[in-house]
Amino acid sequence: MQMNMALMSGNVFDLAEQLAICERWSNNAGMEFSPSKCMCFAPPPLQRETPLQLYGQDLPSTETAPYLGFPFTSRGINFAKLCKDRCKKAKGVIATLKCVGFNLRGWAPASAVQVFTAFVRPVMEYGVELKLPTPTLATQYQRTQNLALRTICSASANTSIAAMHKLLGIPLFTQRARELNFLSAAHFHNSDDATVYGVDIWRRALQPQCSWPHKDSLPRQTMALNPLCVEFVPKFMDHNEVPLTREGPKVWPPPLTRTERKARRIRGLAELESD
C-alpha cells in the first residue's frame, strides 16, 4: 500500500519532532516510509541545524516539489509555474485532438466545443478554483484558449478573438476563472460540516482576530478580490450564527444559480466587441 503525506512546520526543530513521531507510528503500525522518496524544503543535510531523518537516513532537500498536481515551494503553491505547466499540457491535448477532427474540416463546431469544454479547458483551469490568476497569468491562459478556438475554426492568427468567442459561445477565461473560484469559495463558506478539514481551515482563515493564515491567505484573497464574492457576500452563511457541527451538517447552495450564471455568460459574450 502506498500513502502520500505532507508535514508542515515553522522550523526544522518541529519538523524533526514530527518525523520522529511518524517513525514511531510506522514501527507500531508495521508500515515503513521510504526516505529516498521523501523531500523537504530545508537546507542540505550538512547545513541543517538539526538532522531531518527517517530510520537514520537524511531526507533529501529540494526547492520545488509536485503534490496533487501543484508545484510547491517553501512559500506555497507556485501559481506561475502551475499556469505554465497547465497551458503546455493543454496545448499538447489540442495538438492531439487536431489530428482526429478538432478542426473545421472534422467535427461539427458544436461537437468540437463540447470536446473543448470536456477535455481541453479542464486541463487548463486546474487550480483556478483556489486563486484567481493575476492579469499576466490570465493572459497566458487566454492565449491557450485562443489557440483552441482557432483550431476549432481553422482560423488564422489575425482572426478576431471576440468573434470566435461569440460564434462558439465560449466565455473569456477570466470570466470562467472568476466563476470557478466563486463556486469553490461558496462551497467552503456555506458549509458547517466540521468533518471536512477544508471547511475548518476556511473558517479559521477568515476570523478577524486570526493571525494565521495571514491576510494574504487564499481564502482572504478570494473573498476580497473575486468580484462575485464581493457582490454576493451578504448572501453567504454567517459563521457567527452557524457554528461548525458534526451532527446533521448542512451545505447552503451557491448564492448564484446555474441559470443566473448562464445569463451572465451570455451578457458577457454580447458585450464583446465585434469586427
C-alpha atoms as a PDB file:
ATOM      1  CA  MET A   1       0.000   0.000   0.000  1.00  0.00           C
ATOM      2  CA  GLN A   2       1.297   3.470  -0.900  1.00  0.00           C
ATOM      3  CA  MET A   3       0.491   6.577   1.117  1.00  0.00           C
ATOM      4  CA  ASN A   4       1.213  10.246   0.408  1.00  0.00           C
ATOM      5  CA  MET A   5       1.683  12.603   3.327  1.00  0.00           C
ATOM      6  CA  ALA A   6       2.832  16.181   3.879  1.00  0.00           C
ATOM      7  CA  LEU A   7       4.275  17.595   7.112  1.00  0.00           C
ATOM      8  CA  MET A   8       4.204  21.340   7.797  1.00  0.00           C
ATOM      9  CA  SER A   9       6.124  23.145  10.469  1.00  0.00           C
ATOM     10  CA  GLY A  10       7.570  26.563  11.197  1.00  0.00           C
ATOM     11  CA  ASN A  11      11.145  25.430  11.823  1.00  0.00           C
ATOM     12  CA  VAL A  12      13.462  22.439  11.430  1.00  0.00           C
ATOM     13  CA  PHE A  13      13.238  21.523  15.127  1.00  0.00           C
ATOM     14  CA  ASP A  14       9.472  20.998  14.991  1.00  0.00           C
ATOM     15  CA  LEU A  15       9.836  19.147  11.684  1.00  0.00           C
ATOM     16  CA  ALA A  16      12.424  16.808  13.216  1.00  0.00           C
ATOM     17  CA  GLU A  17       9.988  16.036  16.051  1.00  0.00           C
ATOM     18  CA  GLN A  18       7.183  15.350  13.570  1.00  0.00           C
ATOM     19  CA  LEU A  19       9.441  12.955  11.669  1.00  0.00           C
ATOM     20  CA  ALA A  20      10.253  11.158  14.903  1.00  0.00           C
ATOM     21  CA  ILE A  21       6.525  10.768  15.616  1.00  0.00           C
ATOM     22  CA  CYS A  22       5.987   9.371  12.100  1.00  0.00           C
ATOM     23  CA  GLU A  23       8.821   6.900  12.577  1.00  0.00           C
ATOM     24  CA  ARG A  24       7.423   5.662  15.893  1.00  0.00           C
ATOM     25  CA  TRP A  25       3.961   5.339  14.349  1.00  0.00           C
ATOM     26  CA  SER A  26       5.275   3.354  11.383  1.00  0.00           C
ATOM     27  CA  ASN A  27       7.088   0.931  13.691  1.00  0.00           C
ATOM     28  CA  ASN A  28       3.968   0.389  15.790  1.00  0.00           C
ATOM     29  CA  ALA A  29       1.709   0.064  12.723  1.00  0.00           C
ATOM     30  CA  GLY A  30       4.015  -2.297  10.880  1.00  0.00           C
ATOM     31  CA  MET A  31       4.444   0.109   7.965  1.00  0.00           C
ATOM     32  CA  GLU A  32       7.555   1.768   6.594  1.00  0.00           C
ATOM     33  CA  PHE A  33       8.169   5.102   4.904  1.00  0.00           C
ATOM     34  CA  SER A  34      10.642   5.386   2.034  1.00  0.00           C
ATOM     35  CA  PRO A  35      13.226   8.067   2.901  1.00  0.00           C
ATOM     36  CA  SER A  36      14.566   8.110  -0.664  1.00  0.00           C
ATOM     37  CA  LYS A  37      11.132   9.213  -1.945  1.00  0.00           C
ATOM     38  CA  CYS A  38      10.742  11.937   0.692  1.00  0.00           C
ATOM     39  CA  MET A  39      11.635  15.591   0.074  1.00  0.00           C
ATOM     40  CA  CYS A  40      11.824  18.565   2.404  1.00  0.00           C
ATOM     41  CA  PHE A  41      12.086  22.300   1.940  1.00  0.00           C
ATOM     42  CA  ALA A  42      15.161  22.720   4.105  1.00  0.00           C
ATOM     43  CA  PRO A  43      18.914  23.331   3.754  1.00  0.00           C
ATOM     44  CA  PRO A  44      21.062  20.400   2.553  1.00  0.00           C
ATOM     45  CA  PRO A  45      21.808  17.763   5.249  1.00  0.00           C
ATOM     46  CA  LEU A  46      25.264  19.138   6.073  1.00  0.00           C
ATOM     47  CA  GLN A  47      23.889  22.670   6.604  1.00  0.00           C
ATOM     48  CA  ARG A  48      20.951  21.813   8.871  1.00  0.00           C
ATOM     49  CA  GLU A  49      20.812  22.911  12.476  1.00  0.00           C
ATOM     50  CA  THR A  50      19.226  19.605  13.420  1.00  0.00           C
ATOM     51  CA  PRO A  51      19.043  16.328  11.456  1.00  0.00           C
ATOM     52  CA  LEU A  52      15.907  15.581   9.447  1.00  0.00           C
ATOM     53  CA  GLN A  53      15.918  11.816   9.270  1.00  0.00           C
ATOM     54  CA  LEU A  54      13.796   8.703   8.966  1.00  0.00           C
ATOM     55  CA  TYR A  55      15.331   5.431  10.205  1.00  0.00           C
ATOM     56  CA  GLY A  56      18.699   7.169  10.488  1.00  0.00           C
ATOM     57  CA  GLN A  57      18.701   8.365   6.849  1.00  0.00           C
ATOM     58  CA  ASP A  58      18.884  12.063   5.958  1.00  0.00           C
ATOM     59  CA  LEU A  59      15.964  13.276   3.860  1.00  0.00           C
ATOM     60  CA  PRO A  60      16.929  14.989   0.577  1.00  0.00           C
ATOM     61  CA  SER A  61      16.341  18.715   0.149  1.00  0.00           C
ATOM     62  CA  THR A  62      14.512  20.399  -2.702  1.00  0.00           C
ATOM     63  CA  GLU A  63      13.356  23.871  -3.747  1.00  0.00           C
ATOM     64  CA  THR A  64      10.190  22.707  -5.509  1.00  0.00           C
ATOM     65  CA  ALA A  65       8.124  19.541  -5.398  1.00  0.00           C
ATOM     66  CA  PRO A  66       4.833  18.423  -7.003  1.00  0.00           C
ATOM     67  CA  TYR A  67       1.905  17.499  -4.756  1.00  0.00           C
ATOM     68  CA  LEU A  68      -1.585  16.689  -6.041  1.00  0.00           C
ATOM     69  CA  GLY A  69      -0.629  18.243  -9.355  1.00  0.00           C
ATOM     70  CA  PHE A  70       0.523  21.541  -7.816  1.00  0.00           C
ATOM     71  CA  PRO A  71       4.162  22.752  -7.850  1.00  0.00           C
ATOM     72  CA  PHE A  72       5.011  23.613  -4.250  1.00  0.00           C
ATOM     73  CA  THR A  73       7.886  25.650  -2.845  1.00  0.00           C
ATOM     74  CA  SER A  74       8.672  26.608   0.722  1.00  0.00           C
ATOM     75  CA  ARG A  75       6.355  29.611   0.252  1.00  0.00           C
ATOM     76  CA  GLY A  76       3.393  27.581  -1.009  1.00  0.00           C
ATOM     77  CA  ILE A  77       1.986  26.953  -4.471  1.00  0.00           C
ATOM     78  CA  ASN A  78       3.949  28.393  -7.389  1.00  0.00           C
ATOM     79  CA  PHE A  79       0.985  29.604  -9.452  1.00  0.00           C
ATOM     80  CA  ALA A  80       3.201  30.938 -12.253  1.00  0.00           C
ATOM     81  CA  LYS A  81       4.702  27.505 -12.822  1.00  0.00           C
ATOM     82  CA  LEU A  82       1.258  25.925 -12.478  1.00  0.00           C
ATOM     83  CA  CYS A  83      -0.022  28.183 -15.260  1.00  0.00           C
ATOM     84  CA  LYS A  84       2.943  27.340 -17.482  1.00  0.00           C
ATOM     85  CA  ASP A  85       2.562  23.594 -16.899  1.00  0.00           C
ATOM     86  CA  ARG A  86      -1.219  23.535 -17.416  1.00  0.00           C
ATOM     87  CA  CYS A  87      -1.062  25.605 -20.603  1.00  0.00           C
ATOM     88  CA  LYS A  88       1.706  23.410 -22.002  1.00  0.00           C
ATOM     89  CA  LYS A  89      -0.322  20.292 -21.265  1.00  0.00           C
ATOM     90  CA  ALA A  90      -3.473  21.826 -22.781  1.00  0.00           C
ATOM     91  CA  LYS A  91      -1.566  22.699 -25.965  1.00  0.00           C
ATOM     92  CA  GLY A  92      -0.485  19.061 -26.186  1.00  0.00           C
ATOM     93  CA  VAL A  93      -4.112  17.943 -25.913  1.00  0.00           C
ATOM     94  CA  ILE A  94      -5.117  20.437 -28.620  1.00  0.00           C
ATOM     95  CA  ALA A  95      -2.403  19.145 -30.948  1.00  0.00           C
ATOM     96  CA  THR A  96      -3.530  15.559 -30.397  1.00  0.00           C
ATOM     97  CA  LEU A  97      -7.206  16.325 -30.968  1.00  0.00           C
ATOM     98  CA  LYS A  98      -6.464  18.373 -34.084  1.00  0.00           C
ATOM     99  CA  CYS A  99      -5.280  15.219 -35.822  1.00  0.00           C
ATOM    100  CA  VAL A 100      -8.549  13.381 -35.173  1.00  0.00           C
ATOM    101  CA  GLY A 101     -11.127  16.017 -36.127  1.00  0.00           C
ATOM    102  CA  PHE A 102     -10.719  19.004 -33.790  1.00  0.00           C
ATOM    103  CA  ASN A 103     -10.905  21.450 -36.731  1.00  0.00           C
ATOM    104  CA  LEU A 104     -13.313  22.919 -39.252  1.00  0.00           C
ATOM    105  CA  ARG A 105     -12.866  20.018 -41.693  1.00  0.00           C
ATOM    106  CA  GLY A 106     -13.512  17.432 -38.986  1.00  0.00           C
ATOM    107  CA  TRP A 107     -16.159  17.569 -36.290  1.00  0.00           C
ATOM    108  CA  ALA A 108     -19.063  19.980 -36.381  1.00  0.00           C
ATOM    109  CA  PRO A 109     -18.259  23.167 -34.420  1.00  0.00           C
ATOM    110  CA  ALA A 110     -20.871  22.332 -31.765  1.00  0.00           C
ATOM    111  CA  SER A 111     -19.252  18.929 -31.204  1.00  0.00           C
ATOM    112  CA  ALA A 112     -15.767  20.461 -31.114  1.00  0.00           C
ATOM    113  CA  VAL A 113     -16.923  22.958 -28.476  1.00  0.00           C
ATOM    114  CA  GLN A 114     -18.180  20.082 -26.327  1.00  0.00           C
ATOM    115  CA  VAL A 115     -14.813  18.357 -26.700  1.00  0.00           C
ATOM    116  CA  PHE A 116     -13.083  21.604 -25.734  1.00  0.00           C
ATOM    117  CA  THR A 117     -15.161  22.059 -22.576  1.00  0.00           C
ATOM    118  CA  ALA A 118     -14.788  18.382 -21.610  1.00  0.00           C
ATOM    119  CA  PHE A 119     -11.145  17.637 -22.408  1.00  0.00           C
ATOM    120  CA  VAL A 120      -9.157  20.833 -23.049  1.00  0.00           C
ATOM    121  CA  ARG A 121     -10.479  23.505 -20.712  1.00  0.00           C
ATOM    122  CA  PRO A 122     -10.412  21.324 -17.541  1.00  0.00           C
ATOM    123  CA  VAL A 123      -6.697  20.727 -18.133  1.00  0.00           C
ATOM    124  CA  MET A 124      -6.101  24.458 -18.348  1.00  0.00           C
ATOM    125  CA  GLU A 125      -8.239  25.630 -15.452  1.00  0.00           C
ATOM    126  CA  TYR A 126      -6.959  23.202 -12.800  1.00  0.00           C
ATOM    127  CA  GLY A 127      -6.088  25.305  -9.771  1.00  0.00           C
ATOM    128  CA  VAL A 128      -8.001  28.500 -10.561  1.00  0.00           C
ATOM    129  CA  GLU A 129     -10.646  27.461  -8.040  1.00  0.00           C
ATOM    130  CA  LEU A 130      -8.035  28.191  -5.352  1.00  0.00           C
ATOM    131  CA  LYS A 131      -6.872  31.597  -6.586  1.00  0.00           C
ATOM    132  CA  LEU A 132      -7.783  33.975  -9.379  1.00  0.00           C
ATOM    133  CA  PRO A 133      -4.930  34.263 -11.883  1.00  0.00           C
ATOM    134  CA  THR A 134      -3.080  37.555 -11.996  1.00  0.00           C
ATOM    135  CA  PRO A 135      -3.547  39.647 -15.163  1.00  0.00           C
ATOM    136  CA  THR A 136      -0.242  38.308 -16.520  1.00  0.00           C
ATOM    137  CA  LEU A 137      -1.210  34.683 -15.917  1.00  0.00           C
ATOM    138  CA  ALA A 138      -4.741  35.263 -17.177  1.00  0.00           C
ATOM    139  CA  THR A 139      -3.248  36.474 -20.457  1.00  0.00           C
ATOM    140  CA  GLN A 140      -1.287  33.227 -20.787  1.00  0.00           C
ATOM    141  CA  TYR A 141      -4.391  31.160 -20.095  1.00  0.00           C
ATOM    142  CA  GLN A 142      -6.386  33.209 -22.596  1.00  0.00           C
ATOM    143  CA  ARG A 143      -3.758  32.726 -25.312  1.00  0.00           C
ATOM    144  CA  THR A 144      -4.027  28.965 -24.866  1.00  0.00           C
ATOM    145  CA  GLN A 145      -7.805  29.195 -25.095  1.00  0.00           C
ATOM    146  CA  ASN A 146      -7.471  31.343 -28.223  1.00  0.00           C
ATOM    147  CA  LEU A 147      -5.307  28.616 -29.771  1.00  0.00           C
ATOM    148  CA  ALA A 148      -8.037  26.059 -29.087  1.00  0.00           C
ATOM    149  CA  LEU A 149     -10.732  28.231 -30.650  1.00  0.00           C
ATOM    150  CA  ARG A 150      -8.590  28.970 -33.705  1.00  0.00           C
ATOM    151  CA  THR A 151      -8.048  25.234 -34.090  1.00  0.00           C
ATOM    152  CA  ILE A 152     -11.794  24.556 -33.934  1.00  0.00           C
ATOM    153  CA  CYS A 153     -12.470  27.215 -36.552  1.00  0.00           C
ATOM    154  CA  SER A 154      -9.292  26.530 -38.592  1.00  0.00           C
ATOM    155  CA  ALA A 155      -8.802  30.283 -38.313  1.00  0.00           C
ATOM    156  CA  SER A 156      -5.700  32.360 -38.990  1.00  0.00           C
ATOM    157  CA  ALA A 157      -3.742  34.223 -36.327  1.00  0.00           C
ATOM    158  CA  ASN A 158      -5.373  37.566 -37.201  1.00  0.00           C
ATOM    159  CA  THR A 159      -8.956  36.296 -36.813  1.00  0.00           C
ATOM    160  CA  SER A 160     -10.986  38.300 -34.294  1.00  0.00           C
ATOM    161  CA  ILE A 161     -10.773  36.736 -30.839  1.00  0.00           C
ATOM    162  CA  ALA A 162     -14.090  38.291 -29.815  1.00  0.00           C
ATOM    163  CA  ALA A 163     -15.821  36.933 -32.912  1.00  0.00           C
ATOM    164  CA  MET A 164     -14.634  33.371 -32.235  1.00  0.00           C
ATOM    165  CA  HIS A 165     -15.804  33.529 -28.632  1.00  0.00           C
ATOM    166  CA  LYS A 166     -19.213  34.840 -29.648  1.00  0.00           C
ATOM    167  CA  LEU A 167     -19.551  32.362 -32.501  1.00  0.00           C
ATOM    168  CA  LEU A 168     -18.710  29.335 -30.343  1.00  0.00           C
ATOM    169  CA  GLY A 169     -20.374  30.598 -27.141  1.00  0.00           C
ATOM    170  CA  ILE A 170     -17.195  30.275 -25.051  1.00  0.00           C
ATOM    171  CA  PRO A 171     -16.686  32.869 -22.263  1.00  0.00           C
ATOM    172  CA  LEU A 172     -13.346  34.576 -21.797  1.00  0.00           C
ATOM    173  CA  PHE A 173     -11.026  32.711 -19.454  1.00  0.00           C
ATOM    174  CA  THR A 174     -11.125  35.460 -16.826  1.00  0.00           C
ATOM    175  CA  GLN A 175     -14.902  35.117 -16.592  1.00  0.00           C
ATOM    176  CA  ARG A 176     -14.659  31.325 -16.320  1.00  0.00           C
ATOM    177  CA  ALA A 177     -11.938  31.545 -13.668  1.00  0.00           C
ATOM    178  CA  ARG A 178     -13.955  34.052 -11.647  1.00  0.00           C
ATOM    179  CA  GLU A 179     -16.944  31.708 -11.676  1.00  0.00           C
ATOM    180  CA  LEU A 180     -14.970  28.604 -10.644  1.00  0.00           C
ATOM    181  CA  ASN A 181     -13.219  30.498  -7.869  1.00  0.00           C
ATOM    182  CA  PHE A 182     -16.567  31.812  -6.638  1.00  0.00           C
ATOM    183  CA  LEU A 183     -18.188  28.358  -6.621  1.00  0.00           C
ATOM    184  CA  SER A 184     -15.257  26.922  -4.663  1.00  0.00           C
ATOM    185  CA  ALA A 185     -15.485  29.737  -2.125  1.00  0.00           C
ATOM    186  CA  ALA A 186     -19.245  29.256  -1.749  1.00  0.00           C
ATOM    187  CA  HIS A 187     -18.773  25.516  -1.197  1.00  0.00           C
ATOM    188  CA  PHE A 188     -16.420  26.028   1.742  1.00  0.00           C
ATOM    189  CA  HIS A 189     -18.013  29.176   3.155  1.00  0.00           C
ATOM    190  CA  ASN A 190     -21.602  27.856   3.087  1.00  0.00           C
ATOM    191  CA  SER A 191     -20.895  24.604   4.927  1.00  0.00           C
ATOM    192  CA  ASP A 192     -20.933  23.895   8.665  1.00  0.00           C
ATOM    193  CA  ASP A 193     -19.574  20.341   8.328  1.00  0.00           C
ATOM    194  CA  ALA A 194     -16.825  20.038  10.944  1.00  0.00           C
ATOM    195  CA  THR A 195     -15.699  16.710   9.448  1.00  0.00           C
ATOM    196  CA  VAL A 196     -14.406  18.496   6.318  1.00  0.00           C
ATOM    197  CA  TYR A 197     -10.928  19.776   7.103  1.00  0.00           C
ATOM    198  CA  GLY A 198     -11.085  22.374   4.331  1.00  0.00           C
ATOM    199  CA  VAL A 199     -14.190  23.959   5.873  1.00  0.00           C
ATOM    200  CA  ASP A 200     -12.410  24.339   9.215  1.00  0.00           C
ATOM    201  CA  ILE A 201      -9.330  25.859   7.527  1.00  0.00           C
ATOM    202  CA  TRP A 202     -11.536  28.270   5.573  1.00  0.00           C
ATOM    203  CA  ARG A 203     -13.295  29.498   8.694  1.00  0.00           C
ATOM    204  CA  ARG A 204     -10.099  29.943  10.707  1.00  0.00           C
ATOM    205  CA  ALA A 205      -8.542  31.903   7.849  1.00  0.00           C
ATOM    206  CA  LEU A 206     -11.436  34.385   7.785  1.00  0.00           C
ATOM    207  CA  GLN A 207     -11.592  35.061  11.526  1.00  0.00           C
ATOM    208  CA  PRO A 208     -10.786  38.766  12.106  1.00  0.00           C
ATOM    209  CA  GLN A 209      -8.622  38.050  15.143  1.00  0.00           C
ATOM    210  CA  CYS A 210      -6.713  35.233  13.455  1.00  0.00           C
ATOM    211  CA  SER A 211      -3.015  35.933  12.899  1.00  0.00           C
ATOM    212  CA  TRP A 212      -2.524  32.768  10.826  1.00  0.00           C
ATOM    213  CA  PRO A 213      -3.160  32.324   7.969  1.00  0.00           C
ATOM    214  CA  HIS A 214      -2.176  35.954   7.374  1.00  0.00           C
ATOM    215  CA  LYS A 215      -4.037  38.487   5.276  1.00  0.00           C
ATOM    216  CA  ASP A 216      -2.615  37.093   2.036  1.00  0.00           C
ATOM    217  CA  SER A 217      -4.047  33.594   2.563  1.00  0.00           C
ATOM    218  CA  LEU A 218      -6.040  32.127  -0.315  1.00  0.00           C
ATOM    219  CA  PRO A 219      -9.465  32.359   1.441  1.00  0.00           C
ATOM    220  CA  ARG A 220      -8.983  36.035   2.279  1.00  0.00           C
ATOM    221  CA  GLN A 221      -7.745  36.860  -1.219  1.00  0.00           C
ATOM    222  CA  THR A 222     -10.723  35.092  -2.755  1.00  0.00           C
ATOM    223  CA  MET A 223     -13.290  36.898  -0.609  1.00  0.00           C
ATOM    224  CA  ALA A 224     -11.624  40.271  -1.162  1.00  0.00           C
ATOM    225  CA  LEU A 225     -10.651  40.103  -4.848  1.00  0.00           C
ATOM    226  CA  ASN A 226     -13.269  37.970  -6.586  1.00  0.00           C
ATOM    227  CA  PRO A 227     -15.998  40.358  -7.822  1.00  0.00           C
ATOM    228  CA  LEU A 228     -18.672  37.657  -7.449  1.00  0.00           C
ATOM    229  CA  CYS A 229     -17.715  37.021  -3.813  1.00  0.00           C
ATOM    230  CA  VAL A 230     -17.794  40.749  -3.097  1.00  0.00           C
ATOM    231  CA  GLU A 231     -21.202  41.058  -4.773  1.00  0.00           C
ATOM    232  CA  PHE A 232     -22.841  38.100  -3.058  1.00  0.00           C
ATOM    233  CA  VAL A 233     -21.143  38.138   0.337  1.00  0.00           C
ATOM    234  CA  PRO A 234     -24.392  39.331   2.029  1.00  0.00           C
ATOM    235  CA  LYS A 235     -25.958  36.026   0.907  1.00  0.00           C
ATOM    236  CA  PHE A 236     -23.141  33.888   2.300  1.00  0.00           C
ATOM    237  CA  MET A 237     -23.561  31.909   5.515  1.00  0.00           C
ATOM    238  CA  ASP A 238     -22.970  33.928   8.687  1.00  0.00           C
ATOM    239  CA  HIS A 239     -20.367  31.919  10.604  1.00  0.00           C
ATOM    240  CA  ASN A 240     -21.224  33.682  13.859  1.00  0.00           C
ATOM    241  CA  GLU A 241     -24.767  32.343  13.665  1.00  0.00           C
ATOM    242  CA  VAL A 242     -23.950  28.883  12.211  1.00  0.00           C
ATOM    243  CA  PRO A 243     -21.110  27.189  14.108  1.00  0.00           C
ATOM    244  CA  LEU A 244     -19.373  24.051  12.883  1.00  0.00           C
ATOM    245  CA  THR A 245     -21.040  20.774  13.782  1.00  0.00           C
ATOM    246  CA  ARG A 246     -20.562  17.043  13.313  1.00  0.00           C
ATOM    247  CA  GLU A 247     -24.237  16.163  13.684  1.00  0.00           C
ATOM    248  CA  GLY A 248     -26.581  16.869  10.788  1.00  0.00           C
ATOM    249  CA  PRO A 249     -24.304  19.291   8.934  1.00  0.00           C
ATOM    250  CA  LYS A 250     -25.764  21.274   6.070  1.00  0.00           C
ATOM    251  CA  VAL A 251     -24.457  22.995   2.984  1.00  0.00           C
ATOM    252  CA  TRP A 252     -26.139  26.045   1.509  1.00  0.00           C
ATOM    253  CA  PRO A 253     -26.289  26.200  -2.293  1.00  0.00           C
ATOM    254  CA  PRO A 254     -24.239  28.886  -4.064  1.00  0.00           C
ATOM    255  CA  PRO A 255     -25.991  32.282  -3.987  1.00  0.00           C
ATOM    256  CA  LEU A 256     -25.766  32.377  -7.798  1.00  0.00           C
ATOM    257  CA  THR A 257     -27.799  29.687  -9.558  1.00  0.00           C
ATOM    258  CA  ARG A 258     -26.760  27.857 -12.714  1.00  0.00           C
ATOM    259  CA  THR A 259     -29.407  29.724 -14.725  1.00  0.00           C
ATOM    260  CA  GLU A 260     -28.113  33.067 -13.457  1.00  0.00           C
ATOM    261  CA  ARG A 261     -24.525  32.076 -14.256  1.00  0.00           C
ATOM    262  CA  LYS A 262     -25.544  31.180 -17.825  1.00  0.00           C
ATOM    263  CA  ALA A 263     -27.333  34.510 -18.217  1.00  0.00           C
ATOM    264  CA  ARG A 264     -24.209  36.352 -17.081  1.00  0.00           C
ATOM    265  CA  ARG A 265     -22.061  34.448 -19.582  1.00  0.00           C
ATOM    266  CA  ILE A 266     -24.465  35.358 -22.385  1.00  0.00           C
ATOM    267  CA  ARG A 267     -24.339  39.029 -21.382  1.00  0.00           C
ATOM    268  CA  GLY A 268     -20.552  38.860 -21.248  1.00  0.00           C
ATOM    269  CA  LEU A 269     -20.389  37.475 -24.775  1.00  0.00           C
ATOM    270  CA  ALA A 270     -22.827  40.118 -26.012  1.00  0.00           C
ATOM    271  CA  GLU A 271     -20.549  42.855 -24.655  1.00  0.00           C
ATOM    272  CA  LEU A 272     -17.536  41.656 -26.654  1.00  0.00           C
ATOM    273  CA  GLU A 273     -16.582  43.966 -29.486  1.00  0.00           C
ATOM    274  CA  SER A 274     -17.047  42.587 -32.998  1.00  0.00           C
ATOM    275  CA  ASP A 275     -15.131  43.354 -36.155  1.00  0.00           C
END
